[in-house]
PDB file of N, CA and C in Angstrom:
ATOM      1  N   UNK A   1       0.666  -1.137   0.059  1.00  0.00           N
ATOM      2  CA  UNK A   1      -0.013   0.029  -0.001  1.00  0.00           C
ATOM      3  C   UNK A   1       0.793   1.257   0.017  1.00  0.00           C
ATOM      4  N   UNK A   2       2.122   1.188   0.442  1.00  0.00           N
ATOM      5  CA  UNK A   2       2.925   2.431   0.392  1.00  0.00           C
ATOM      6  C   UNK A   2       3.091   3.055  -1.053  1.00  0.00           C
ATOM      7  N   UNK A   3       3.018   2.245  -2.165  1.00  0.00           N
ATOM      8  CA  UNK A   3       3.022   2.736  -3.405  1.00  0.00           C
ATOM      9  C   UNK A   3       1.844   3.536  -3.848  1.00  0.00           C
ATOM     10  N   UNK A   4       0.741   3.441  -3.085  1.00  0.00           N
ATOM     11  CA  UNK A   4      -0.413   4.205  -3.390  1.00  0.00           C
ATOM     12  C   UNK A   4      -0.623   5.338  -2.522  1.00  0.00           C
ATOM     13  N   UNK A   5       0.289   5.693  -1.778  1.00  0.00           N
ATOM     14  CA  UNK A   5       0.039   7.006  -0.766  1.00  0.00           C
ATOM     15  C   UNK A   5       0.186   8.111  -1.525  1.00  0.00           C
ATOM     16  N   UNK A   6       0.965   8.464  -2.518  1.00  0.00           N
ATOM     17  CA  UNK A   6       0.948   9.657  -3.198  1.00  0.00           C
ATOM     18  C   UNK A   6       1.245   9.352  -4.688  1.00  0.00           C
ATOM     19  N   UNK A   7       0.192   8.861  -5.433  1.00  0.00           N
ATOM     20  CA  UNK A   7       0.272   8.527  -6.795  1.00  0.00           C
ATOM     21  C   UNK A   7      -0.822   9.126  -7.600  1.00  0.00           C
ATOM     22  N   UNK A   8      -0.317   9.757  -8.766  1.00  0.00           N
ATOM     23  CA  UNK A   8      -1.298  10.410  -9.665  1.00  0.00           C
ATOM     24  C   UNK A   8      -1.149   9.834 -11.003  1.00  0.00           C
ATOM     25  N   UNK A   9      -2.260   9.562 -11.635  1.00  0.00           N
ATOM     26  CA  UNK A   9      -2.408   9.073 -12.973  1.00  0.00           C
ATOM     27  C   UNK A   9      -3.239  10.027 -13.877  1.00  0.00           C
ATOM     28  N   UNK A  10      -2.744  10.473 -15.010  1.00  0.00           N
ATOM     29  CA  UNK A  10      -3.598  11.460 -15.725  1.00  0.00           C
ATOM     30  C   UNK A  10      -3.519  11.171 -17.117  1.00  0.00           C
ATOM     31  N   UNK A  11      -4.560  11.142 -17.940  1.00  0.00           N
ATOM     32  CA  UNK A  11      -4.714  11.038 -19.369  1.00  0.00           C
ATOM     33  C   UNK A  11      -5.192  12.347 -19.828  1.00  0.00           C
ATOM     34  N   UNK A  12      -4.499  13.104 -20.682  1.00  0.00           N
ATOM     35  CA  UNK A  12      -4.998  14.292 -21.245  1.00  0.00           C
ATOM     36  C   UNK A  12      -4.191  14.785 -22.385  1.00  0.00           C
ATOM     37  N   UNK A  13      -4.474  16.050 -22.853  1.00  0.00           N
ATOM     38  CA  UNK A  13      -3.789  16.640 -23.994  1.00  0.00           C
ATOM     39  C   UNK A  13      -2.957  17.810 -23.552  1.00  0.00           C
ATOM     40  N   UNK A  14      -1.790  17.741 -24.077  1.00  0.00           N
ATOM     41  CA  UNK A  14      -0.667  18.723 -23.850  1.00  0.00           C
ATOM     42  C   UNK A  14      -1.130  20.016 -24.303  1.00  0.00           C
ATOM     43  N   UNK A  15      -1.071  21.122 -23.408  1.00  0.00           N
ATOM     44  CA  UNK A  15      -1.530  22.528 -23.693  1.00  0.00           C
ATOM     45  C   UNK A  15      -0.587  23.429 -24.509  1.00  0.00           C
ATOM     46  N   UNK A  16       0.601  23.126 -24.270  1.00  0.00           N
ATOM     47  CA  UNK A  16       1.643  23.929 -25.059  1.00  0.00           C
ATOM     48  C   UNK A  16       2.823  23.013 -25.244  1.00  0.00           C
ATOM     49  N   UNK A  17       3.708  23.480 -26.190  1.00  0.00           N
ATOM     50  CA  UNK A  17       5.104  22.752 -26.296  1.00  0.00           C
ATOM     51  C   UNK A  17       5.787  22.762 -25.044  1.00  0.00           C
ATOM     52  N   UNK A  18       6.533  21.594 -24.704  1.00  0.00           N
ATOM     53  CA  UNK A  18       7.231  21.610 -23.558  1.00  0.00           C
ATOM     54  C   UNK A  18       8.308  22.620 -23.293  1.00  0.00           C
ATOM     55  N   UNK A  19       8.415  23.125 -22.118  1.00  0.00           N
ATOM     56  CA  UNK A  19       9.484  24.047 -21.686  1.00  0.00           C
ATOM     57  C   UNK A  19      10.706  23.207 -21.244  1.00  0.00           C
ATOM     58  N   UNK A  20      11.824  23.242 -21.877  1.00  0.00           N
ATOM     59  CA  UNK A  20      12.946  22.379 -21.393  1.00  0.00           C
ATOM     60  C   UNK A  20      14.019  23.189 -20.814  1.00  0.00           C
ATOM     61  N   UNK A  21      14.603  22.789 -19.763  1.00  0.00           N
ATOM     62  CA  UNK A  21      15.781  23.499 -19.247  1.00  0.00           C
ATOM     63  C   UNK A  21      16.773  22.578 -18.912  1.00  0.00           C
ATOM     64  N   UNK A  22      17.988  22.889 -19.401  1.00  0.00           N
ATOM     65  CA  UNK A  22      19.149  22.100 -19.224  1.00  0.00           C
ATOM     66  C   UNK A  22      20.018  22.700 -18.042  1.00  0.00           C
ATOM     67  N   UNK A  23      20.211  21.719 -16.967  1.00  0.00           N
ATOM     68  CA  UNK A  23      20.744  22.197 -15.785  1.00  0.00           C
ATOM     69  C   UNK A  23      22.098  21.772 -15.618  1.00  0.00           C
ATOM     70  N   UNK A  24      22.795  22.273 -14.582  1.00  0.00           N
ATOM     71  CA  UNK A  24      24.153  21.634 -14.354  1.00  0.00           C
ATOM     72  C   UNK A  24      24.302  20.202 -14.401  1.00  0.00           C
ATOM     73  N   UNK A  25      25.466  19.698 -14.951  1.00  0.00           N
ATOM     74  CA  UNK A  25      25.631  18.283 -14.820  1.00  0.00           C
ATOM     75  C   UNK A  25      24.922  17.488 -15.913  1.00  0.00           C
ATOM     76  N   UNK A  26      24.348  18.344 -16.805  1.00  0.00           N
ATOM     77  CA  UNK A  26      23.699  17.579 -17.939  1.00  0.00           C
ATOM     78  C   UNK A  26      22.157  17.139 -17.689  1.00  0.00           C
ATOM     79  N   UNK A  27      21.655  17.450 -16.511  1.00  0.00           N
ATOM     80  CA  UNK A  27      20.338  17.072 -16.056  1.00  0.00           C
ATOM     81  C   UNK A  27      19.404  17.933 -16.770  1.00  0.00           C
ATOM     82  N   UNK A  28      18.135  17.261 -17.225  1.00  0.00           N
ATOM     83  CA  UNK A  28      17.174  18.070 -18.001  1.00  0.00           C
ATOM     84  C   UNK A  28      15.829  18.104 -17.072  1.00  0.00           C
ATOM     85  N   UNK A  29      15.132  19.180 -17.221  1.00  0.00           N
ATOM     86  CA  UNK A  29      13.825  19.406 -16.513  1.00  0.00           C
ATOM     87  C   UNK A  29      12.863  19.850 -17.616  1.00  0.00           C
ATOM     88  N   UNK A  30      11.771  19.154 -17.652  1.00  0.00           N
ATOM     89  CA  UNK A  30      10.720  19.479 -18.681  1.00  0.00           C
ATOM     90  C   UNK A  30       9.393  19.841 -17.910  1.00  0.00           C
ATOM     91  N   UNK A  31       8.788  20.828 -18.446  1.00  0.00           N
ATOM     92  CA  UNK A  31       7.599  21.334 -17.812  1.00  0.00           C
ATOM     93  C   UNK A  31       6.459  21.459 -18.890  1.00  0.00           C
ATOM     94  N   UNK A  32       5.361  20.821 -18.577  1.00  0.00           N
ATOM     95  CA  UNK A  32       4.116  20.937 -19.539  1.00  0.00           C
ATOM     96  C   UNK A  32       2.904  21.119 -18.706  1.00  0.00           C
ATOM     97  N   UNK A  33       1.869  21.436 -19.432  1.00  0.00           N
ATOM     98  CA  UNK A  33       0.546  21.448 -18.886  1.00  0.00           C
ATOM     99  C   UNK A  33      -0.382  20.486 -19.600  1.00  0.00           C
ATOM    100  N   UNK A  34      -1.277  19.676 -18.753  1.00  0.00           N
ATOM    101  CA  UNK A  34      -2.082  18.716 -19.449  1.00  0.00           C
ATOM    102  C   UNK A  34      -3.623  19.176 -19.124  1.00  0.00           C
ATOM    103  N   UNK A  35      -4.473  19.118 -20.086  1.00  0.00           N
ATOM    104  CA  UNK A  35      -5.820  19.349 -19.853  1.00  0.00           C
ATOM    105  C   UNK A  35      -6.533  18.029 -19.817  1.00  0.00           C
ATOM    106  N   UNK A  36      -7.415  17.794 -18.783  1.00  0.00           N
ATOM    107  CA  UNK A  36      -8.165  16.514 -18.658  1.00  0.00           C
ATOM    108  C   UNK A  36      -9.678  17.093 -18.712  1.00  0.00           C
ATOM    109  N   UNK A  37     -10.602  16.243 -19.364  1.00  0.00           N
ATOM    110  CA  UNK A  37     -11.933  16.693 -19.393  1.00  0.00           C
ATOM    111  C   UNK A  37     -12.809  15.678 -18.832  1.00  0.00           C
ATOM    112  N   UNK A  38     -13.790  16.197 -18.163  1.00  0.00           N
ATOM    113  CA  UNK A  38     -14.865  15.400 -17.572  1.00  0.00           C
ATOM    114  C   UNK A  38     -16.202  15.797 -18.019  1.00  0.00           C
ATOM    115  N   UNK A  39     -17.101  14.988 -18.381  1.00  0.00           N
ATOM    116  CA  UNK A  39     -18.297  15.251 -18.966  1.00  0.00           C
ATOM    117  C   UNK A  39     -19.425  14.588 -18.107  1.00  0.00           C
ATOM    118  N   UNK A  40     -20.370  15.420 -17.687  1.00  0.00           N
ATOM    119  CA  UNK A  40     -21.530  14.894 -16.915  1.00  0.00           C
ATOM    120  C   UNK A  40     -22.756  15.620 -17.245  1.00  0.00           C
ATOM    121  N   UNK A  41     -23.906  15.064 -16.847  1.00  0.00           N
ATOM    122  CA  UNK A  41     -25.205  15.661 -17.027  1.00  0.00           C
ATOM    123  C   UNK A  41     -25.874  16.139 -15.821  1.00  0.00           C
ATOM    124  N   UNK A  42     -26.426  17.261 -15.939  1.00  0.00           N
ATOM    125  CA  UNK A  42     -27.243  17.903 -14.725  1.00  0.00           C
ATOM    126  C   UNK A  42     -28.502  17.167 -14.603  1.00  0.00           C
ATOM    127  N   UNK A  43     -29.150  17.501 -13.468  1.00  0.00           N
ATOM    128  CA  UNK A  43     -30.449  16.725 -13.276  1.00  0.00           C
ATOM    129  C   UNK A  43     -31.450  17.110 -14.438  1.00  0.00           C
ATOM    130  N   UNK A  44     -31.273  18.224 -15.052  1.00  0.00           N
ATOM    131  CA  UNK A  44     -32.344  18.612 -16.088  1.00  0.00           C
ATOM    132  C   UNK A  44     -31.810  18.213 -17.468  1.00  0.00           C
ATOM    133  N   UNK A  45     -30.713  17.361 -17.408  1.00  0.00           N
ATOM    134  CA  UNK A  45     -30.292  16.693 -18.623  1.00  0.00           C
ATOM    135  C   UNK A  45     -29.330  17.494 -19.474  1.00  0.00           C
ATOM    136  N   UNK A  46     -28.900  18.835 -18.962  1.00  0.00           N
ATOM    137  CA  UNK A  46     -27.928  19.680 -19.663  1.00  0.00           C
ATOM    138  C   UNK A  46     -26.549  18.907 -19.503  1.00  0.00           C
ATOM    139  N   UNK A  47     -25.834  18.885 -20.646  1.00  0.00           N
ATOM    140  CA  UNK A  47     -24.574  18.346 -20.649  1.00  0.00           C
ATOM    141  C   UNK A  47     -23.528  19.401 -20.291  1.00  0.00           C
ATOM    142  N   UNK A  48     -22.661  18.886 -19.441  1.00  0.00           N
ATOM    143  CA  UNK A  48     -21.552  19.887 -18.884  1.00  0.00           C
ATOM    144  C   UNK A  48     -20.126  19.229 -19.113  1.00  0.00           C
ATOM    145  N   UNK A  49     -19.385  20.038 -19.638  1.00  0.00           N
ATOM    146  CA  UNK A  49     -17.934  19.493 -19.920  1.00  0.00           C
ATOM    147  C   UNK A  49     -17.001  20.420 -19.039  1.00  0.00           C
ATOM    148  N   UNK A  50     -16.245  19.797 -18.170  1.00  0.00           N
ATOM    149  CA  UNK A  50     -15.373  20.573 -17.259  1.00  0.00           C
ATOM    150  C   UNK A  50     -13.953  20.210 -17.575  1.00  0.00           C
ATOM    151  N   UNK A  51     -13.117  21.200 -17.817  1.00  0.00           N
ATOM    152  CA  UNK A  51     -11.702  20.929 -18.198  1.00  0.00           C
ATOM    153  C   UNK A  51     -10.880  21.387 -16.975  1.00  0.00           C
ATOM    154  N   UNK A  52      -9.887  20.505 -16.551  1.00  0.00           N
ATOM    155  CA  UNK A  52      -9.022  20.879 -15.500  1.00  0.00           C
ATOM    156  C   UNK A  52      -7.567  20.973 -16.168  1.00  0.00           C
ATOM    157  N   UNK A  53      -6.754  21.835 -15.723  1.00  0.00           N
ATOM    158  CA  UNK A  53      -5.418  21.983 -16.275  1.00  0.00           C
ATOM    159  C   UNK A  53      -4.443  21.566 -15.136  1.00  0.00           C
ATOM    160  N   UNK A  54      -3.443  20.731 -15.389  1.00  0.00           N
ATOM    161  CA  UNK A  54      -2.451  20.193 -14.572  1.00  0.00           C
ATOM    162  C   UNK A  54      -1.092  20.528 -14.997  1.00  0.00           C
ATOM    163  N   UNK A  55      -0.356  21.031 -14.070  1.00  0.00           N
ATOM    164  CA  UNK A  55       1.109  21.463 -14.319  1.00  0.00           C
ATOM    165  C   UNK A  55       1.915  20.201 -13.988  1.00  0.00           C
ATOM    166  N   UNK A  56       2.814  19.714 -15.002  1.00  0.00           N
ATOM    167  CA  UNK A  56       3.473  18.479 -14.843  1.00  0.00           C
ATOM    168  C   UNK A  56       4.960  18.709 -15.063  1.00  0.00           C
ATOM    169  N   UNK A  57       5.792  18.229 -14.269  1.00  0.00           N
ATOM    170  CA  UNK A  57       7.175  18.486 -14.463  1.00  0.00           C
ATOM    171  C   UNK A  57       7.980  17.070 -14.492  1.00  0.00           C
ATOM    172  N   UNK A  58       8.983  16.865 -15.189  1.00  0.00           N
ATOM    173  CA  UNK A  58       9.722  15.645 -15.344  1.00  0.00           C
ATOM    174  C   UNK A  58      11.169  15.881 -15.367  1.00  0.00           C
ATOM    175  N   UNK A  59      11.994  14.936 -14.856  1.00  0.00           N
ATOM    176  CA  UNK A  59      13.363  15.022 -14.871  1.00  0.00           C
ATOM    177  C   UNK A  59      14.036  13.919 -15.521  1.00  0.00           C
ATOM    178  N   UNK A  60      15.351  14.229 -15.925  1.00  0.00           N
ATOM    179  CA  UNK A  60      16.194  13.158 -16.421  1.00  0.00           C
ATOM    180  C   UNK A  60      15.655  12.498 -17.769  1.00  0.00           C
ATOM    181  N   UNK A  61      15.557  11.263 -17.770  1.00  0.00           N
ATOM    182  CA  UNK A  61      15.194  10.420 -19.004  1.00  0.00           C
ATOM    183  C   UNK A  61      13.716  10.723 -19.371  1.00  0.00           C
ATOM    184  N   UNK A  62      12.741  10.884 -18.426  1.00  0.00           N
ATOM    185  CA  UNK A  62      11.429  11.285 -18.686  1.00  0.00           C
ATOM    186  C   UNK A  62      11.355  12.599 -19.342  1.00  0.00           C
ATOM    187  N   UNK A  63      12.174  13.420 -18.892  1.00  0.00           N
ATOM    188  CA  UNK A  63      12.314  14.795 -19.421  1.00  0.00           C
ATOM    189  C   UNK A  63      12.876  14.701 -20.916  1.00  0.00           C
ATOM    190  N   UNK A  64      13.758  13.839 -21.193  1.00  0.00           N
ATOM    191  CA  UNK A  64      14.254  13.643 -22.537  1.00  0.00           C
ATOM    192  C   UNK A  64      13.262  13.157 -23.443  1.00  0.00           C
ATOM    193  N   UNK A  65      12.468  12.217 -22.960  1.00  0.00           N
ATOM    194  CA  UNK A  65      11.433  11.617 -23.829  1.00  0.00           C
ATOM    195  C   UNK A  65      10.403  12.783 -24.191  1.00  0.00           C
ATOM    196  N   UNK A  66      10.070  13.562 -23.108  1.00  0.00           N
ATOM    197  CA  UNK A  66       9.118  14.691 -23.464  1.00  0.00           C
ATOM    198  C   UNK A  66       9.691  15.572 -24.462  1.00  0.00           C
ATOM    199  N   UNK A  67      10.943  15.886 -24.412  1.00  0.00           N
ATOM    200  CA  UNK A  67      11.612  16.884 -25.277  1.00  0.00           C
ATOM    201  C   UNK A  67      11.547  16.314 -26.632  1.00  0.00           C
ATOM    202  N   UNK A  68      11.803  15.007 -26.861  1.00  0.00           N
ATOM    203  CA  UNK A  68      11.855  14.373 -28.250  1.00  0.00           C
ATOM    204  C   UNK A  68      10.523  14.259 -28.898  1.00  0.00           C
ATOM    205  N   UNK A  69       9.528  13.813 -28.020  1.00  0.00           N
ATOM    206  CA  UNK A  69       8.310  13.293 -28.648  1.00  0.00           C
ATOM    207  C   UNK A  69       6.978  14.039 -28.287  1.00  0.00           C
ATOM    208  N   UNK A  70       7.014  14.915 -27.368  1.00  0.00           N
ATOM    209  CA  UNK A  70       5.758  15.554 -26.857  1.00  0.00           C
ATOM    210  C   UNK A  70       5.680  17.015 -27.439  1.00  0.00           C
ATOM    211  N   UNK A  71       4.455  17.181 -28.175  1.00  0.00           N
ATOM    212  CA  UNK A  71       4.203  18.573 -28.540  1.00  0.00           C
ATOM    213  C   UNK A  71       2.711  18.992 -28.251  1.00  0.00           C
ATOM    214  N   UNK A  72       2.536  20.257 -28.388  1.00  0.00           N
ATOM    215  CA  UNK A  72       1.201  20.733 -28.097  1.00  0.00           C
ATOM    216  C   UNK A  72       0.130  19.992 -28.829  1.00  0.00           C
ATOM    217  N   UNK A  73      -0.981  19.597 -28.086  1.00  0.00           N
ATOM    218  CA  UNK A  73      -2.121  18.877 -28.688  1.00  0.00           C
ATOM    219  C   UNK A  73      -2.013  17.360 -28.494  1.00  0.00           C
ATOM    220  N   UNK A  74      -0.824  16.907 -28.225  1.00  0.00           N
ATOM    221  CA  UNK A  74      -0.550  15.422 -28.159  1.00  0.00           C
ATOM    222  C   UNK A  74      -1.327  14.856 -26.973  1.00  0.00           C
ATOM    223  N   UNK A  75      -1.903  13.741 -27.123  1.00  0.00           N
ATOM    224  CA  UNK A  75      -2.519  13.038 -25.967  1.00  0.00           C
ATOM    225  C   UNK A  75      -1.450  12.101 -25.275  1.00  0.00           C
ATOM    226  N   UNK A  76      -1.334  12.149 -24.064  1.00  0.00           N
ATOM    227  CA  UNK A  76      -0.337  11.440 -23.310  1.00  0.00           C
ATOM    228  C   UNK A  76      -1.026  10.868 -21.959  1.00  0.00           C
ATOM    229  N   UNK A  77      -0.332   9.867 -21.379  1.00  0.00           N
ATOM    230  CA  UNK A  77      -0.717   9.628 -20.057  1.00  0.00           C
ATOM    231  C   UNK A  77       0.568   9.728 -19.195  1.00  0.00           C
ATOM    232  N   UNK A  78       0.409  10.096 -18.056  1.00  0.00           N
ATOM    233  CA  UNK A  78       1.529  10.224 -17.044  1.00  0.00           C
ATOM    234  C   UNK A  78       1.178   9.651 -15.921  1.00  0.00           C
ATOM    235  N   UNK A  79       2.207   9.156 -15.018  1.00  0.00           N
ATOM    236  CA  UNK A  79       2.139   8.757 -13.758  1.00  0.00           C
ATOM    237  C   UNK A  79       3.179   9.318 -12.886  1.00  0.00           C
ATOM    238  N   UNK A  80       2.858   9.772 -11.737  1.00  0.00           N
ATOM    239  CA  UNK A  80       3.755  10.524 -10.931  1.00  0.00           C
ATOM    240  C   UNK A  80       3.222  10.674  -9.534  1.00  0.00           C
ATOM    241  N   UNK A  81       3.808  11.755  -8.777  1.00  0.00           N
ATOM    242  CA  UNK A  81       3.282  12.152  -7.478  1.00  0.00           C
ATOM    243  C   UNK A  81       3.052  13.551  -7.460  1.00  0.00           C
ATOM    244  N   UNK A  82       2.125  13.993  -6.565  1.00  0.00           N
ATOM    245  CA  UNK A  82       1.626  15.289  -6.350  1.00  0.00           C
ATOM    246  C   UNK A  82       2.600  15.932  -5.362  1.00  0.00           C
ATOM    247  N   UNK A  83       2.996  17.303  -5.787  1.00  0.00           N
ATOM    248  CA  UNK A  83       3.810  18.072  -4.934  1.00  0.00           C
ATOM    249  C   UNK A  83       3.288  19.401  -4.873  1.00  0.00           C
ATOM    250  N   UNK A  84       3.824  20.132  -3.801  1.00  0.00           N
ATOM    251  CA  UNK A  84       3.415  21.504  -3.566  1.00  0.00           C
ATOM    252  C   UNK A  84       4.805  22.199  -3.214  1.00  0.00           C
ATOM    253  N   UNK A  85       4.821  23.453  -3.642  1.00  0.00           N
ATOM    254  CA  UNK A  85       5.968  24.251  -3.294  1.00  0.00           C
ATOM    255  C   UNK A  85       5.635  25.764  -3.256  1.00  0.00           C
ATOM    256  N   UNK A  86       6.496  26.546  -2.718  1.00  0.00           N
ATOM    257  CA  UNK A  86       6.132  28.016  -2.675  1.00  0.00           C
ATOM    258  C   UNK A  86       7.603  28.735  -3.003  1.00  0.00           C
ATOM    259  N   UNK A  87       7.342  29.961  -3.437  1.00  0.00           N
ATOM    260  CA  UNK A  87       8.435  30.895  -3.733  1.00  0.00           C
ATOM    261  C   UNK A  87       8.123  32.206  -3.682  1.00  0.00           C
ATOM    262  N   UNK A  88       8.991  33.100  -3.572  1.00  0.00           N
ATOM    263  CA  UNK A  88       8.659  34.568  -3.615  1.00  0.00           C
ATOM    264  C   UNK A  88       8.837  35.179  -5.023  1.00  0.00           C
ATOM    265  N   UNK A  89       7.886  35.786  -5.659  1.00  0.00           N
ATOM    266  CA  UNK A  89       8.100  36.311  -6.877  1.00  0.00           C
ATOM    267  C   UNK A  89       8.945  37.639  -6.824  1.00  0.00           C
ATOM    268  N   UNK A  90       9.107  38.175  -7.956  1.00  0.00           N
ATOM    269  CA  UNK A  90      10.175  39.356  -8.060  1.00  0.00           C
ATOM    270  C   UNK A  90       9.480  40.622  -7.175  1.00  0.00           C
ATOM    271  N   UNK A  91       8.158  40.592  -6.969  1.00  0.00           N
ATOM    272  CA  UNK A  91       7.594  41.583  -6.152  1.00  0.00           C
ATOM    273  C   UNK A  91       7.607  41.278  -4.658  1.00  0.00           C
ATOM    274  N   UNK A  92       8.164  40.127  -4.287  1.00  0.00           N
ATOM    275  CA  UNK A  92       8.280  39.767  -2.949  1.00  0.00           C
ATOM    276  C   UNK A  92       6.997  39.053  -2.493  1.00  0.00           C
ATOM    277  N   UNK A  93       5.986  38.759  -3.419  1.00  0.00           N
ATOM    278  CA  UNK A  93       4.764  38.077  -2.971  1.00  0.00           C
ATOM    279  C   UNK A  93       5.015  36.567  -2.953  1.00  0.00           C
ATOM    280  N   UNK A  94       4.485  35.870  -2.011  1.00  0.00           N
ATOM    281  CA  UNK A  94       4.612  34.408  -2.016  1.00  0.00           C
ATOM    282  C   UNK A  94       3.560  33.740  -2.956  1.00  0.00           C
ATOM    283  N   UNK A  95       4.136  32.897  -3.792  1.00  0.00           N
ATOM    284  CA  UNK A  95       3.350  32.087  -4.778  1.00  0.00           C
ATOM    285  C   UNK A  95       3.363  30.677  -4.379  1.00  0.00           C
ATOM    286  N   UNK A  96       2.274  30.067  -4.710  1.00  0.00           N
ATOM    287  CA  UNK A  96       2.130  28.582  -4.338  1.00  0.00           C
ATOM    288  C   UNK A  96       1.905  27.793  -5.699  1.00  0.00           C
ATOM    289  N   UNK A  97       2.536  26.723  -5.853  1.00  0.00           N
ATOM    290  CA  UNK A  97       2.462  25.831  -6.979  1.00  0.00           C
ATOM    291  C   UNK A  97       2.145  24.362  -6.502  1.00  0.00           C
ATOM    292  N   UNK A  98       1.154  23.893  -7.405  1.00  0.00           N
ATOM    293  CA  UNK A  98       0.813  22.422  -7.141  1.00  0.00           C
ATOM    294  C   UNK A  98       1.210  21.772  -8.445  1.00  0.00           C
ATOM    295  N   UNK A  99       1.977  20.754  -8.453  1.00  0.00           N
ATOM    296  CA  UNK A  99       2.245  20.122  -9.768  1.00  0.00           C
ATOM    297  C   UNK A  99       2.402  18.642  -9.626  1.00  0.00           C
ATOM    298  N   UNK A 100       2.462  17.903 -10.695  1.00  0.00           N
ATOM    299  CA  UNK A 100       2.619  16.606 -10.726  1.00  0.00           C
ATOM    300  C   UNK A 100       4.084  16.301 -11.259  1.00  0.00           C
ATOM    301  N   UNK A 101       4.915  15.564 -10.404  1.00  0.00           N
ATOM    302  CA  UNK A 101       6.208  15.187 -10.777  1.00  0.00           C
ATOM    303  C   UNK A 101       6.033  13.852 -11.550  1.00  0.00           C
ATOM    304  N   UNK A 102       6.233  13.768 -12.822  1.00  0.00           N
ATOM    305  CA  UNK A 102       6.052  12.585 -13.533  1.00  0.00           C
ATOM    306  C   UNK A 102       7.197  11.564 -13.430  1.00  0.00           C
ATOM    307  N   UNK A 103       6.939  10.381 -13.212  1.00  0.00           N
ATOM    308  CA  UNK A 103       8.116   9.419 -13.409  1.00  0.00           C
ATOM    309  C   UNK A 103       7.955   8.380 -14.626  1.00  0.00           C
ATOM    310  N   UNK A 104       6.785   8.490 -15.139  1.00  0.00           N
ATOM    311  CA  UNK A 104       6.523   7.549 -16.257  1.00  0.00           C
ATOM    312  C   UNK A 104       5.675   8.298 -17.274  1.00  0.00           C
ATOM    313  N   UNK A 105       5.879   8.118 -18.534  1.00  0.00           N
ATOM    314  CA  UNK A 105       4.989   8.735 -19.560  1.00  0.00           C
ATOM    315  C   UNK A 105       4.660   7.762 -20.632  1.00  0.00           C
ATOM    316  N   UNK A 106       3.440   7.796 -21.171  1.00  0.00           N
ATOM    317  CA  UNK A 106       2.999   6.887 -22.215  1.00  0.00           C
ATOM    318  C   UNK A 106       2.442   7.924 -23.357  1.00  0.00           C
ATOM    319  N   UNK A 107       2.880   7.648 -24.525  1.00  0.00           N
ATOM    320  CA  UNK A 107       2.468   8.517 -25.705  1.00  0.00           C
ATOM    321  C   UNK A 107       1.291   7.729 -26.337  1.00  0.00           C
ATOM    322  N   UNK A 108       0.180   8.579 -26.370  1.00  0.00           N
ATOM    323  CA  UNK A 108      -1.122   7.965 -26.870  1.00  0.00           C
ATOM    324  C   UNK A 108      -1.529   8.641 -28.239  1.00  0.00           C
ATOM    325  N   UNK A 109      -2.419   8.016 -28.863  1.00  0.00           N
ATOM    326  CA  UNK A 109      -2.925   8.659 -30.144  1.00  0.00           C
ATOM    327  C   UNK A 109      -2.003   8.438 -31.259  1.00  0.00           C
ATOM    328  N   UNK A 110      -2.092   9.186 -32.310  1.00  0.00           N
ATOM    329  CA  UNK A 110      -1.188   8.977 -33.542  1.00  0.00           C
ATOM    330  C   UNK A 110       0.127   9.580 -33.317  1.00  0.00           C
TER     331      UNK A 110
END
């Protein structure tokens, strides 16, 4: 059960081309956003489509795969863990970020 404590699985469409950063020591960091859609019907029968955007980061080999094969609009599946972090922006205001750190990626579609 330990493997299930902080585990996220998403299937969705990439919102923009990946942002790739090359860090010291040759390590790569990839950042993307993924849109997931949920469709449901209200009691009166109206169809509602709700889109959620998820920030996803990946390191190392997973980042390299994203850099080579992932583009805006591509459908992908990712598995990773949910993380939260804070930082102070250039105006000194505290910013909060929730993101999924991906450790596996599966390319879907064409």
